[in-house]
Amino acid sequence: AALNPWDVMLCVSGTAIACENALVVAIICYSPALRTPMFVLVGSLATADLLAGLGLILNFVFQYVIRSETVSLLTVGFLVASFAASVSSLLAITVDRYLSLYNALTYYSERTVLCIHTMLAGAWGVSLCLGLLPVLGWNCLHDRTSCSVVRPLTKSNVTLLSASFFLIFLIMLHLYIEICKIVCRHAHQIALQQHFLTASHYVTTKKGVSTLAIILGTFGASWLPFAIYCVVGDPDYPSVYTYATLLPATYNSMINPIIYAYRNQEIQRSMWVLFCGCFQAKVSFRSRSPSDV
């Protein structure tokens, strides 16, 4: 079959995603110091995005090299599970940031570690189940009238996925609003203790709120168009509409390592050690706490 430029762009996007996140996974696995709950969550996100990138590459290869309905179902299920795990990991990171501020005194405890592992186990378990649904028969290979804008997924399947995304997005929005309230309240309490609000307090608070807005805005801008189109779109519409909304959604997995990994100074130091081996820091590195935004 002739190459579809959109498929090529998705494959290129998948390659970039896989390379970026493979580096993050390698750094976290290589560095014994990166074993805190925060880095476990970042590692889960990077692993999910790495699998999503590999899924995009495999989908391209099997679409133009090995054309098979069974392989198509497997790759689609793999992509659904990977992207679902990525979105779920983002929710887990948001919950972790909220807990690190709301329960700051008890955050560094065994209970927090157990909570993080439980969240991740649940997120990956649900994501795996969502990915298995098309493989186990919830597809439109034998009933074209039930197809959605994402073949071979059915309309009811993509509706379920979209509804799950909207729910996660609303939960993240609520938690980030609560985080902003806590950050502003902390800044106000510090100002009262010092009897005045310094310019640095104002700048720090504004920077923290702006960062949260960028994180949530990037996530929403990447996934909302595709999620909405999955609900309102019709399979008879030109496939370019599906590609035009799906491609930006993949960019979220490309941006995640920059937001959640490469900005962290511990990961930056581990990266130097990984590539240089003999690097000795002359500047004191400070690990960002989970509450840093």
Protein backbone atom coordinates (compact mmCIF):
# COMPACT_ATOMS: atom_id res chain seq x y z
CA ALA A 1 0.00 0.00 0.00
CA ALA A 2 1.11 3.57 -0.65
CA LEU A 3 2.59 5.32 2.35
CA ASN A 4 0.19 7.58 4.20
CA PRO A 5 2.02 10.76 5.34
CA TRP A 6 0.02 10.74 8.57
CA ASP A 7 1.20 7.22 9.37
CA VAL A 8 4.77 8.33 8.70
CA MET A 9 4.36 11.27 11.11
CA LEU A 10 2.92 8.95 13.76
CA CYS A 11 5.90 6.62 13.30
CA VAL A 12 8.34 9.52 13.61
CA SER A 13 6.51 10.71 16.71
CA GLY A 14 6.68 7.19 18.15
CA THR A 15 10.42 7.02 17.49
CA ALA A 16 11.05 10.32 19.28
CA ILE A 17 8.82 9.22 22.18
CA ALA A 18 10.61 5.88 22.51
CA CYS A 19 14.09 7.45 22.48
CA GLU A 20 13.23 10.17 25.02
CA ASN A 21 11.57 7.85 27.49
CA ALA A 22 14.06 5.01 27.07
CA LEU A 23 16.72 7.41 28.35
CA VAL A 24 14.60 8.26 31.40
CA VAL A 25 13.97 4.59 32.18
CA ALA A 26 17.69 3.81 31.79
CA ILE A 27 18.67 6.67 34.13
CA ILE A 28 16.19 5.63 36.83
CA CYS A 29 17.21 1.96 36.60
CA TYR A 30 20.91 2.87 36.55
CA SER A 31 20.81 5.14 39.62
CA PRO A 32 20.12 3.39 42.97
CA ALA A 33 19.48 6.81 44.54
CA LEU A 34 16.37 7.29 42.39
CA ARG A 35 14.15 4.91 44.35
CA THR A 36 11.87 7.39 46.10
CA PRO A 37 8.10 7.33 45.47
CA MET A 38 8.41 10.37 43.19
CA PHE A 39 10.91 8.65 40.89
CA VAL A 40 8.90 5.42 40.94
CA LEU A 41 5.98 7.40 39.52
CA VAL A 42 8.17 9.13 36.96
CA GLY A 43 9.56 5.74 35.97
CA SER A 44 6.05 4.36 35.55
CA LEU A 45 5.13 7.30 33.31
CA ALA A 46 8.31 6.93 31.25
CA THR A 47 7.75 3.17 30.87
CA ALA A 48 4.18 3.70 29.69
CA ASP A 49 5.25 6.38 27.20
CA LEU A 50 8.13 4.19 26.01
CA LEU A 51 5.70 1.35 25.30
CA ALA A 52 3.36 3.80 23.54
CA GLY A 53 6.21 4.95 21.30
CA LEU A 54 7.15 1.36 20.48
CA GLY A 55 3.48 0.64 19.79
CA LEU A 56 3.30 3.45 17.24
CA ILE A 57 6.40 2.07 15.50
CA LEU A 58 5.07 -1.49 15.49
CA ASN A 59 1.69 -0.32 14.23
CA PHE A 60 3.40 1.35 11.26
CA VAL A 61 5.56 -1.70 10.51
CA PHE A 62 2.71 -4.18 10.70
CA GLN A 63 0.39 -1.93 8.73
CA TYR A 64 2.72 -1.80 5.72
CA VAL A 65 4.76 -4.99 6.09
CA ILE A 66 2.61 -7.63 7.79
CA ARG A 67 -1.06 -7.00 7.06
CA SER A 68 -3.13 -9.13 9.43
CA GLU A 69 -6.36 -8.57 11.36
CA THR A 70 -4.95 -10.43 14.36
CA VAL A 71 -1.78 -8.34 14.39
CA SER A 72 -3.87 -5.18 13.96
CA LEU A 73 -5.92 -6.05 17.05
CA LEU A 74 -2.78 -6.79 19.06
CA THR A 75 -1.10 -3.51 18.14
CA VAL A 76 -4.25 -1.46 18.78
CA GLY A 77 -4.73 -3.19 22.13
CA PHE A 78 -1.06 -2.55 22.95
CA LEU A 79 -1.45 1.15 22.13
CA VAL A 80 -4.66 1.46 24.16
CA ALA A 81 -3.02 -0.16 27.19
CA SER A 82 0.13 1.97 26.88
CA PHE A 83 -1.60 5.32 26.51
CA ALA A 84 -4.07 4.40 29.26
CA ALA A 85 -1.13 3.61 31.56
CA SER A 86 0.47 6.93 30.62
CA VAL A 87 -2.64 8.93 31.49
CA SER A 88 -3.15 6.90 34.68
CA SER A 89 0.47 7.53 35.71
CA LEU A 90 -0.09 11.26 35.24
CA LEU A 91 -3.07 11.02 37.57
CA ALA A 92 -0.94 9.13 40.11
CA ILE A 93 1.74 11.84 39.94
CA THR A 94 -0.93 14.49 40.55
CA VAL A 95 -2.26 12.58 43.55
CA ASP A 96 1.30 12.21 44.87
CA ARG A 97 1.93 15.96 44.57
CA TYR A 98 -1.30 16.70 46.40
CA LEU A 99 -0.49 14.24 49.21
CA SER A 100 3.05 15.63 49.58
CA LEU A 101 1.55 19.05 50.33
CA TYR A 102 -1.61 18.03 52.19
CA ASN A 103 0.17 15.47 54.41
CA ALA A 104 3.66 16.93 54.38
CA LEU A 105 4.55 15.65 57.87
CA THR A 106 3.65 12.02 57.16
CA TYR A 107 4.52 11.92 53.47
CA TYR A 108 7.89 10.19 53.90
CA SER A 109 6.52 7.04 55.50
CA GLU A 110 5.97 3.41 54.60
CA ARG A 111 2.27 4.13 54.24
CA THR A 112 3.01 6.55 51.39
CA VAL A 113 5.17 3.97 49.62
CA LEU A 114 2.38 1.39 49.94
CA CYS A 115 -0.14 3.91 48.62
CA ILE A 116 2.04 4.71 45.61
CA HIS A 117 2.58 1.05 44.75
CA THR A 118 -1.13 0.34 45.15
CA MET A 119 -2.04 3.22 42.84
CA LEU A 120 0.42 2.05 40.20
CA ALA A 121 -0.73 -1.57 40.42
CA GLY A 122 -4.34 -0.46 39.99
CA ALA A 123 -3.47 1.91 37.12
CA TRP A 124 -1.52 -0.71 35.17
CA GLY A 125 -4.11 -3.40 35.91
CA VAL A 126 -6.97 -1.27 34.57
CA SER A 127 -4.88 -0.20 31.56
CA LEU A 128 -4.10 -3.82 30.71
CA CYS A 129 -7.79 -4.72 30.90
CA LEU A 130 -8.68 -1.83 28.57
CA GLY A 131 -6.03 -2.99 26.11
CA LEU A 132 -7.30 -6.57 26.16
CA LEU A 133 -10.90 -5.62 25.34
CA PRO A 134 -10.37 -5.34 21.54
CA VAL A 135 -8.33 -8.55 21.49
CA LEU A 136 -10.97 -10.47 23.44
CA GLY A 137 -13.71 -9.57 20.98
CA TRP A 138 -14.80 -5.99 21.58
CA ASN A 139 -13.97 -4.93 18.01
CA CYS A 140 -15.77 -4.24 14.75
CA LEU A 141 -13.96 -6.63 12.43
CA HIS A 142 -17.16 -8.59 11.83
CA ASP A 143 -19.63 -5.73 12.18
CA ARG A 144 -18.55 -2.64 10.26
CA THR A 145 -21.62 -0.68 11.39
CA SER A 146 -20.34 -0.65 14.98
CA CYS A 147 -16.93 0.81 14.04
CA SER A 148 -15.73 4.04 15.57
CA VAL A 149 -13.42 6.69 14.17
CA VAL A 150 -10.57 4.47 15.39
CA ARG A 151 -10.86 1.15 13.61
CA PRO A 152 -11.11 -1.64 14.70
CA LEU A 153 -12.42 -0.23 18.00
CA THR A 154 -16.18 -0.06 18.42
CA LYS A 155 -18.12 3.09 19.22
CA SER A 156 -18.94 1.84 22.70
CA ASN A 157 -15.27 1.05 23.31
CA VAL A 158 -13.98 4.51 22.41
CA THR A 159 -16.88 6.06 24.36
CA LEU A 160 -15.71 4.16 27.43
CA LEU A 161 -12.12 5.29 26.87
CA SER A 162 -13.18 8.91 26.34
CA ALA A 163 -15.39 8.89 29.43
CA SER A 164 -12.49 7.51 31.47
CA PHE A 165 -10.24 10.28 30.16
CA PHE A 166 -12.78 13.01 30.98
CA LEU A 167 -13.09 11.63 34.52
CA ILE A 168 -9.31 11.57 34.99
CA PHE A 169 -9.00 15.09 33.58
CA LEU A 170 -11.64 16.43 35.97
CA ILE A 171 -9.95 14.73 38.94
CA MET A 172 -6.58 16.21 37.93
CA LEU A 173 -8.17 19.64 37.49
CA HIS A 174 -9.72 19.45 40.97
CA LEU A 175 -6.45 18.30 42.57
CA TYR A 176 -4.39 21.01 40.86
CA ILE A 177 -6.86 23.64 42.05
CA GLU A 178 -6.45 22.30 45.58
CA ILE A 179 -2.65 22.34 45.17
CA CYS A 180 -2.80 25.98 44.07
CA LYS A 181 -4.86 26.81 47.16
CA ILE A 182 -2.33 25.07 49.43
CA VAL A 183 0.62 26.83 47.76
CA CYS A 184 -1.04 30.23 48.06
CA ARG A 185 -2.00 29.54 51.68
CA HIS A 186 1.57 28.56 52.55
CA ALA A 187 2.89 31.74 50.95
CA HIS A 188 0.36 33.80 52.90
CA GLN A 189 1.31 32.11 56.21
CA ILE A 190 5.00 32.80 55.57
CA ALA A 191 4.15 36.42 54.82
CA LEU A 192 2.21 36.74 58.09
CA GLN A 193 5.14 35.29 60.05
CA GLN A 194 7.49 37.82 58.46
CA HIS A 195 4.84 40.59 58.73
CA PHE A 196 5.01 41.41 55.04
CA LEU A 197 4.75 39.76 51.63
CA THR A 198 8.12 39.98 49.91
CA ALA A 199 8.54 40.13 46.17
CA SER A 200 10.24 36.72 46.21
CA HIS A 201 7.20 35.11 47.85
CA TYR A 202 4.94 36.62 45.22
CA VAL A 203 7.22 35.50 42.38
CA THR A 204 7.54 31.97 43.80
CA THR A 205 3.79 31.59 44.23
CA LYS A 206 3.08 32.96 40.77
CA LYS A 207 5.70 30.67 39.25
CA GLY A 208 4.25 27.61 41.00
CA VAL A 209 0.69 28.36 39.87
CA SER A 210 1.88 29.11 36.33
CA THR A 211 3.76 25.80 36.18
CA LEU A 212 0.66 23.90 37.28
CA ALA A 213 -1.37 25.68 34.61
CA ILE A 214 1.19 24.75 31.96
CA ILE A 215 1.20 21.08 33.06
CA LEU A 216 -2.57 20.75 33.03
CA GLY A 217 -2.95 22.92 29.92
CA THR A 218 -0.46 20.78 27.98
CA PHE A 219 -2.23 17.60 29.03
CA GLY A 220 -5.66 18.96 28.11
CA ALA A 221 -4.57 20.49 24.80
CA SER A 222 -2.97 17.20 23.77
CA TRP A 223 -5.77 14.78 24.62
CA LEU A 224 -9.05 16.71 24.74
CA PRO A 225 -9.47 17.16 20.94
CA PHE A 226 -9.01 13.44 20.31
CA ALA A 227 -11.25 12.41 23.23
CA ILE A 228 -14.02 14.75 22.09
CA TYR A 229 -13.75 13.65 18.47
CA CYS A 230 -14.00 9.99 19.52
CA VAL A 231 -17.40 10.79 21.02
CA VAL A 232 -18.86 13.12 18.39
CA GLY A 233 -17.08 11.79 15.28
CA ASP A 234 -18.58 9.43 12.75
CA PRO A 235 -16.65 6.58 11.06
CA ASP A 236 -17.80 7.94 7.69
CA TYR A 237 -15.87 11.16 8.27
CA PRO A 238 -12.54 11.48 6.43
CA SER A 239 -9.74 9.69 8.26
CA VAL A 240 -7.70 12.90 8.21
CA TYR A 241 -9.84 14.14 11.12
CA THR A 242 -8.81 11.15 13.22
CA TYR A 243 -5.13 11.62 12.36
CA ALA A 244 -5.28 15.37 13.00
CA THR A 245 -6.56 14.83 16.55
CA LEU A 246 -4.55 11.69 17.34
CA LEU A 247 -1.15 13.14 16.38
CA PRO A 248 -1.27 15.96 18.99
CA ALA A 249 -2.28 13.37 21.61
CA THR A 250 1.00 11.53 21.00
CA TYR A 251 2.90 14.76 21.61
CA ASN A 252 1.90 14.55 25.27
CA SER A 253 4.11 11.46 25.64
CA MET A 254 6.90 13.44 23.97
CA ILE A 255 6.53 16.37 26.38
CA ASN A 256 6.14 14.30 29.57
CA PRO A 257 9.87 13.47 29.97
CA ILE A 258 10.73 17.16 29.66
CA ILE A 259 8.19 18.21 32.29
CA TYR A 260 8.57 15.39 34.80
CA ALA A 261 12.12 14.07 34.31
CA TYR A 262 14.70 16.23 32.56
CA ARG A 263 13.92 19.28 34.74
CA ASN A 264 14.79 17.32 37.89
CA GLN A 265 18.32 17.99 39.12
CA GLU A 266 18.86 14.47 40.46
CA ILE A 267 18.05 13.06 37.03
CA GLN A 268 20.32 15.68 35.43
CA ARG A 269 23.17 14.59 37.67
CA SER A 270 22.49 10.90 37.00
CA MET A 271 22.47 11.66 33.29
CA TRP A 272 25.92 13.21 33.54
CA VAL A 273 27.17 10.21 35.49
CA LEU A 274 25.61 7.81 32.99
CA PHE A 275 27.21 9.47 29.98
CA CYS A 276 30.46 10.75 31.46
CA GLY A 277 31.17 8.28 34.23
CA CYS A 278 33.82 10.50 35.79
CA PHE A 279 31.62 13.56 36.30
CA GLN A 280 32.11 15.24 39.64
CA ALA A 281 29.64 17.96 40.45
CA LYS A 282 31.16 21.29 41.41
CA VAL A 283 27.71 22.68 41.97
CA SER A 284 25.52 21.35 44.74
CA PHE A 285 22.51 19.55 43.26
CA ARG A 286 19.26 19.63 45.16
CA SER A 287 16.64 17.02 44.47
CA ARG A 288 13.22 18.46 43.81
CA SER A 289 10.69 17.27 46.33
CA PRO A 290 7.41 15.82 45.10
CA SER A 291 5.69 19.07 46.07
CA ASP A 292 7.86 21.12 43.71
CA VAL A 293 5.75 22.40 40.86
